[in-house]
N, C-alpha and C. Protein backbone atom coordinates (compact mmCIF):
# COMPACT_ATOMS: atom_id res chain seq x y z
N UNK A 1 1.32 -5.70 18.34
CA UNK A 1 0.68 -5.14 17.17
C UNK A 1 -0.58 -5.93 16.85
N UNK A 2 -1.49 -5.23 16.19
CA UNK A 2 -2.65 -5.91 15.61
C UNK A 2 -2.45 -5.96 14.11
N UNK A 3 -2.84 -7.07 13.53
CA UNK A 3 -2.76 -7.24 12.08
C UNK A 3 -4.08 -7.80 11.58
N UNK A 4 -4.57 -7.20 10.50
CA UNK A 4 -5.77 -7.69 9.86
C UNK A 4 -5.48 -7.74 8.36
N UNK A 5 -5.88 -8.81 7.72
CA UNK A 5 -5.63 -8.94 6.28
C UNK A 5 -6.95 -8.95 5.52
N UNK A 6 -6.85 -8.51 4.28
CA UNK A 6 -7.99 -8.45 3.37
C UNK A 6 -7.55 -9.02 2.03
N UNK A 7 -8.40 -9.88 1.44
CA UNK A 7 -8.05 -10.49 0.16
C UNK A 7 -9.15 -10.23 -0.87
N UNK A 8 -8.71 -9.95 -2.09
CA UNK A 8 -9.61 -9.92 -3.24
C UNK A 8 -8.98 -10.85 -4.27
N UNK A 9 -9.59 -10.93 -5.44
CA UNK A 9 -9.01 -11.79 -6.48
C UNK A 9 -7.60 -11.37 -6.87
N UNK A 10 -7.34 -10.06 -6.87
CA UNK A 10 -6.05 -9.56 -7.34
C UNK A 10 -5.13 -9.04 -6.24
N UNK A 11 -5.68 -8.73 -5.09
CA UNK A 11 -4.88 -8.04 -4.10
C UNK A 11 -4.92 -8.70 -2.72
N UNK A 12 -3.83 -8.47 -1.99
CA UNK A 12 -3.71 -8.92 -0.61
C UNK A 12 -3.26 -7.71 0.20
N UNK A 13 -4.13 -7.21 1.06
CA UNK A 13 -3.82 -6.03 1.85
C UNK A 13 -3.57 -6.41 3.30
N UNK A 14 -2.56 -5.76 3.88
CA UNK A 14 -2.23 -5.93 5.29
C UNK A 14 -2.47 -4.59 5.98
N UNK A 15 -3.29 -4.62 7.02
CA UNK A 15 -3.49 -3.45 7.88
C UNK A 15 -2.87 -3.79 9.22
N UNK A 16 -1.98 -2.94 9.69
CA UNK A 16 -1.31 -3.22 10.96
C UNK A 16 -1.16 -1.93 11.76
N UNK A 17 -1.33 -2.07 13.06
CA UNK A 17 -1.13 -0.90 13.94
C UNK A 17 -0.62 -1.35 15.30
N UNK A 18 0.06 -0.44 15.94
CA UNK A 18 0.50 -0.68 17.31
C UNK A 18 -0.74 -0.72 18.20
N UNK A 19 -0.80 -1.67 19.10
CA UNK A 19 -2.00 -1.94 19.91
C UNK A 19 -2.53 -0.71 20.64
N UNK A 20 -1.65 0.09 21.18
CA UNK A 20 -2.10 1.22 22.01
C UNK A 20 -2.79 2.32 21.20
N UNK A 21 -2.75 2.24 19.88
CA UNK A 21 -3.36 3.28 19.05
C UNK A 21 -4.82 3.02 18.70
N UNK A 22 -5.29 1.80 18.92
CA UNK A 22 -6.69 1.47 18.59
C UNK A 22 -7.64 2.46 19.29
N UNK A 23 -8.55 3.00 18.49
CA UNK A 23 -9.56 3.91 19.02
C UNK A 23 -9.14 5.36 19.10
N UNK A 24 -7.87 5.64 18.88
CA UNK A 24 -7.41 7.03 18.97
C UNK A 24 -7.72 7.79 17.68
N UNK A 25 -7.88 9.09 17.81
CA UNK A 25 -7.97 9.98 16.65
C UNK A 25 -6.68 10.77 16.62
N UNK A 26 -5.96 10.64 15.51
CA UNK A 26 -4.66 11.30 15.36
C UNK A 26 -4.81 12.49 14.43
N UNK A 27 -4.08 13.55 14.73
CA UNK A 27 -4.17 14.76 13.92
C UNK A 27 -2.78 15.30 13.61
N UNK A 28 -2.67 15.88 12.43
CA UNK A 28 -1.51 16.70 12.10
C UNK A 28 -2.04 17.98 11.46
N UNK A 29 -1.16 18.80 10.93
CA UNK A 29 -1.59 20.08 10.40
C UNK A 29 -2.45 19.96 9.14
N UNK A 30 -2.44 18.81 8.48
CA UNK A 30 -3.18 18.65 7.23
C UNK A 30 -4.41 17.77 7.32
N UNK A 31 -4.44 16.83 8.25
CA UNK A 31 -5.56 15.90 8.28
C UNK A 31 -5.75 15.26 9.65
N UNK A 32 -6.80 14.48 9.73
CA UNK A 32 -7.16 13.76 10.94
C UNK A 32 -7.41 12.31 10.55
N UNK A 33 -7.03 11.38 11.43
CA UNK A 33 -7.20 9.96 11.13
C UNK A 33 -7.68 9.23 12.37
N UNK A 34 -8.74 8.46 12.22
CA UNK A 34 -9.26 7.62 13.31
C UNK A 34 -8.66 6.23 13.13
N UNK A 35 -8.03 5.71 14.18
CA UNK A 35 -7.47 4.36 14.15
C UNK A 35 -8.61 3.43 14.56
N UNK A 36 -9.34 3.02 13.56
CA UNK A 36 -10.60 2.29 13.74
C UNK A 36 -10.36 0.80 14.02
N UNK A 37 -10.92 0.31 15.11
CA UNK A 37 -10.75 -1.10 15.50
C UNK A 37 -11.30 -2.04 14.42
N UNK A 38 -12.39 -1.67 13.78
CA UNK A 38 -12.98 -2.57 12.79
C UNK A 38 -12.06 -2.76 11.58
N UNK A 39 -11.19 -1.80 11.32
CA UNK A 39 -10.26 -1.91 10.20
C UNK A 39 -8.94 -2.57 10.60
N UNK A 40 -8.38 -2.16 11.73
CA UNK A 40 -7.04 -2.61 12.12
C UNK A 40 -7.00 -3.78 13.09
N UNK A 41 -7.98 -3.92 13.96
CA UNK A 41 -7.85 -4.88 15.05
C UNK A 41 -8.24 -6.28 14.62
N UNK A 42 -7.24 -6.99 14.13
CA UNK A 42 -7.40 -8.40 13.81
C UNK A 42 -6.72 -9.22 14.90
N UNK A 43 -5.76 -10.00 14.49
CA UNK A 43 -5.00 -10.84 15.43
C UNK A 43 -3.82 -10.07 16.01
N UNK A 44 -3.48 -10.39 17.25
CA UNK A 44 -2.23 -9.89 17.80
C UNK A 44 -1.11 -10.65 17.12
N UNK A 45 -0.04 -9.94 16.77
CA UNK A 45 1.03 -10.60 16.02
C UNK A 45 2.39 -10.01 16.36
N UNK A 46 3.41 -10.78 16.06
CA UNK A 46 4.79 -10.36 16.27
C UNK A 46 5.31 -9.66 15.02
N UNK A 47 6.47 -9.05 15.17
CA UNK A 47 7.13 -8.43 14.03
C UNK A 47 7.44 -9.46 12.95
N UNK A 48 7.81 -10.66 13.34
CA UNK A 48 8.14 -11.71 12.37
C UNK A 48 6.92 -12.06 11.51
N UNK A 49 5.77 -12.15 12.13
CA UNK A 49 4.55 -12.46 11.37
C UNK A 49 4.22 -11.31 10.42
N UNK A 50 4.36 -10.07 10.90
CA UNK A 50 4.10 -8.93 10.03
C UNK A 50 5.06 -8.94 8.85
N UNK A 51 6.33 -9.22 9.08
CA UNK A 51 7.31 -9.30 7.99
C UNK A 51 6.87 -10.30 6.93
N UNK A 52 6.47 -11.48 7.35
CA UNK A 52 6.01 -12.51 6.40
C UNK A 52 4.84 -12.02 5.57
N UNK A 53 3.86 -11.41 6.23
CA UNK A 53 2.68 -10.93 5.52
C UNK A 53 3.02 -9.78 4.59
N UNK A 54 3.89 -8.88 5.01
CA UNK A 54 4.25 -7.75 4.15
C UNK A 54 4.95 -8.20 2.87
N UNK A 55 5.71 -9.27 2.96
CA UNK A 55 6.41 -9.76 1.77
C UNK A 55 5.43 -10.32 0.72
N UNK A 56 4.21 -10.66 1.14
CA UNK A 56 3.18 -11.17 0.23
C UNK A 56 2.20 -10.08 -0.20
N UNK A 57 2.21 -8.96 0.51
CA UNK A 57 1.19 -7.93 0.32
C UNK A 57 1.33 -7.19 -1.00
N UNK A 58 0.19 -6.82 -1.56
CA UNK A 58 0.17 -5.90 -2.69
C UNK A 58 -0.16 -4.49 -2.21
N UNK A 59 -0.72 -4.41 -1.01
CA UNK A 59 -1.09 -3.14 -0.38
C UNK A 59 -0.92 -3.28 1.12
N UNK A 60 -0.50 -2.20 1.76
CA UNK A 60 -0.41 -2.20 3.22
C UNK A 60 -0.76 -0.82 3.76
N UNK A 61 -1.39 -0.83 4.92
CA UNK A 61 -1.75 0.39 5.63
C UNK A 61 -1.23 0.20 7.05
N UNK A 62 -0.26 1.01 7.44
CA UNK A 62 0.48 0.79 8.68
C UNK A 62 0.50 2.05 9.53
N UNK A 63 0.24 1.87 10.83
CA UNK A 63 0.26 3.02 11.74
C UNK A 63 0.95 2.62 13.05
N UNK A 64 1.87 3.46 13.49
CA UNK A 64 2.57 3.21 14.74
C UNK A 64 4.04 2.94 14.55
N UNK A 65 4.80 3.17 15.61
CA UNK A 65 6.26 3.00 15.56
C UNK A 65 6.67 1.59 15.15
N UNK A 66 6.09 0.57 15.79
CA UNK A 66 6.49 -0.82 15.52
C UNK A 66 6.10 -1.26 14.12
N UNK A 67 4.86 -0.98 13.73
CA UNK A 67 4.36 -1.43 12.43
C UNK A 67 5.13 -0.77 11.29
N UNK A 68 5.34 0.53 11.36
CA UNK A 68 6.04 1.23 10.29
C UNK A 68 7.51 0.85 10.27
N UNK A 69 8.14 0.72 11.42
CA UNK A 69 9.55 0.32 11.47
C UNK A 69 9.75 -1.04 10.82
N UNK A 70 8.81 -1.93 11.00
CA UNK A 70 8.91 -3.26 10.39
C UNK A 70 8.87 -3.14 8.86
N UNK A 71 7.99 -2.31 8.34
CA UNK A 71 7.89 -2.13 6.88
C UNK A 71 9.14 -1.47 6.31
N UNK A 72 9.72 -0.54 7.05
CA UNK A 72 10.97 0.08 6.62
C UNK A 72 12.09 -0.94 6.62
N UNK A 73 12.15 -1.76 7.67
CA UNK A 73 13.16 -2.83 7.77
C UNK A 73 13.05 -3.81 6.60
N UNK A 74 11.82 -4.11 6.19
CA UNK A 74 11.58 -5.02 5.06
C UNK A 74 11.83 -4.36 3.70
N UNK A 75 12.09 -3.06 3.74
CA UNK A 75 12.36 -2.26 2.55
C UNK A 75 11.17 -2.17 1.60
N UNK A 76 9.95 -2.24 2.15
CA UNK A 76 8.79 -2.00 1.29
C UNK A 76 8.28 -0.56 1.48
N UNK A 77 8.76 0.12 2.52
CA UNK A 77 8.40 1.52 2.75
C UNK A 77 9.69 2.32 2.85
N UNK A 78 9.75 3.40 2.08
CA UNK A 78 10.86 4.34 2.14
C UNK A 78 10.60 5.28 3.32
N UNK A 79 11.56 5.42 4.22
CA UNK A 79 11.34 6.30 5.38
C UNK A 79 10.95 7.73 4.98
N UNK A 80 11.35 8.17 3.81
CA UNK A 80 11.01 9.52 3.34
C UNK A 80 9.53 9.66 2.99
N UNK A 81 8.85 8.54 2.80
CA UNK A 81 7.43 8.61 2.42
C UNK A 81 6.49 8.51 3.61
N UNK A 82 7.03 8.35 4.80
CA UNK A 82 6.23 8.22 6.01
C UNK A 82 5.68 9.59 6.41
N UNK A 83 4.39 9.64 6.77
CA UNK A 83 3.83 10.88 7.30
C UNK A 83 3.68 10.71 8.81
N UNK A 84 3.57 11.81 9.50
CA UNK A 84 3.51 11.76 10.97
C UNK A 84 2.30 12.50 11.51
N UNK A 85 1.75 11.93 12.55
CA UNK A 85 0.73 12.55 13.38
C UNK A 85 1.42 12.77 14.71
N UNK A 86 2.01 13.94 14.89
CA UNK A 86 2.88 14.15 16.04
C UNK A 86 4.10 13.26 15.86
N UNK A 87 4.31 12.36 16.80
CA UNK A 87 5.44 11.42 16.70
C UNK A 87 5.01 10.05 16.18
N UNK A 88 3.75 9.91 15.81
CA UNK A 88 3.24 8.61 15.37
C UNK A 88 3.32 8.50 13.85
N UNK A 89 4.10 7.54 13.33
CA UNK A 89 4.24 7.40 11.89
C UNK A 89 3.08 6.63 11.25
N UNK A 90 2.81 6.96 10.00
CA UNK A 90 1.80 6.27 9.19
C UNK A 90 2.39 6.07 7.80
N UNK A 91 2.22 4.88 7.26
CA UNK A 91 2.75 4.60 5.93
C UNK A 91 1.76 3.76 5.14
N UNK A 92 1.76 4.00 3.85
CA UNK A 92 0.97 3.20 2.91
C UNK A 92 1.93 2.57 1.92
N UNK A 93 1.57 1.38 1.46
CA UNK A 93 2.38 0.66 0.48
C UNK A 93 1.47 0.15 -0.61
N UNK A 94 1.90 0.32 -1.85
CA UNK A 94 1.18 -0.20 -3.00
C UNK A 94 2.18 -0.82 -3.95
N UNK A 95 2.01 -2.07 -4.30
CA UNK A 95 2.86 -2.71 -5.29
C UNK A 95 2.29 -2.40 -6.67
N UNK A 96 3.11 -1.87 -7.53
CA UNK A 96 2.65 -1.52 -8.88
C UNK A 96 3.13 -2.51 -9.90
């Protein structure tokens, strides 16, 4: 997986995607999404590192089987809220 983090004074965002998705354009019946390297491609990381970062995150943007499964496992994403581009899951997380 690739993980990239973004910090502001109030928020900590984690962007994560499965490596093989970088550069792809994904489509479903409602929208299209470009998996942009400049947004997602930070450091290569393990599931354990993603788990640690997600527990600190106020926002997360996740694409791919591994990245989304990790967020579901951490219980920050409800599987019912995941959208799909074909078989590729995408999830957003916002701490309120």
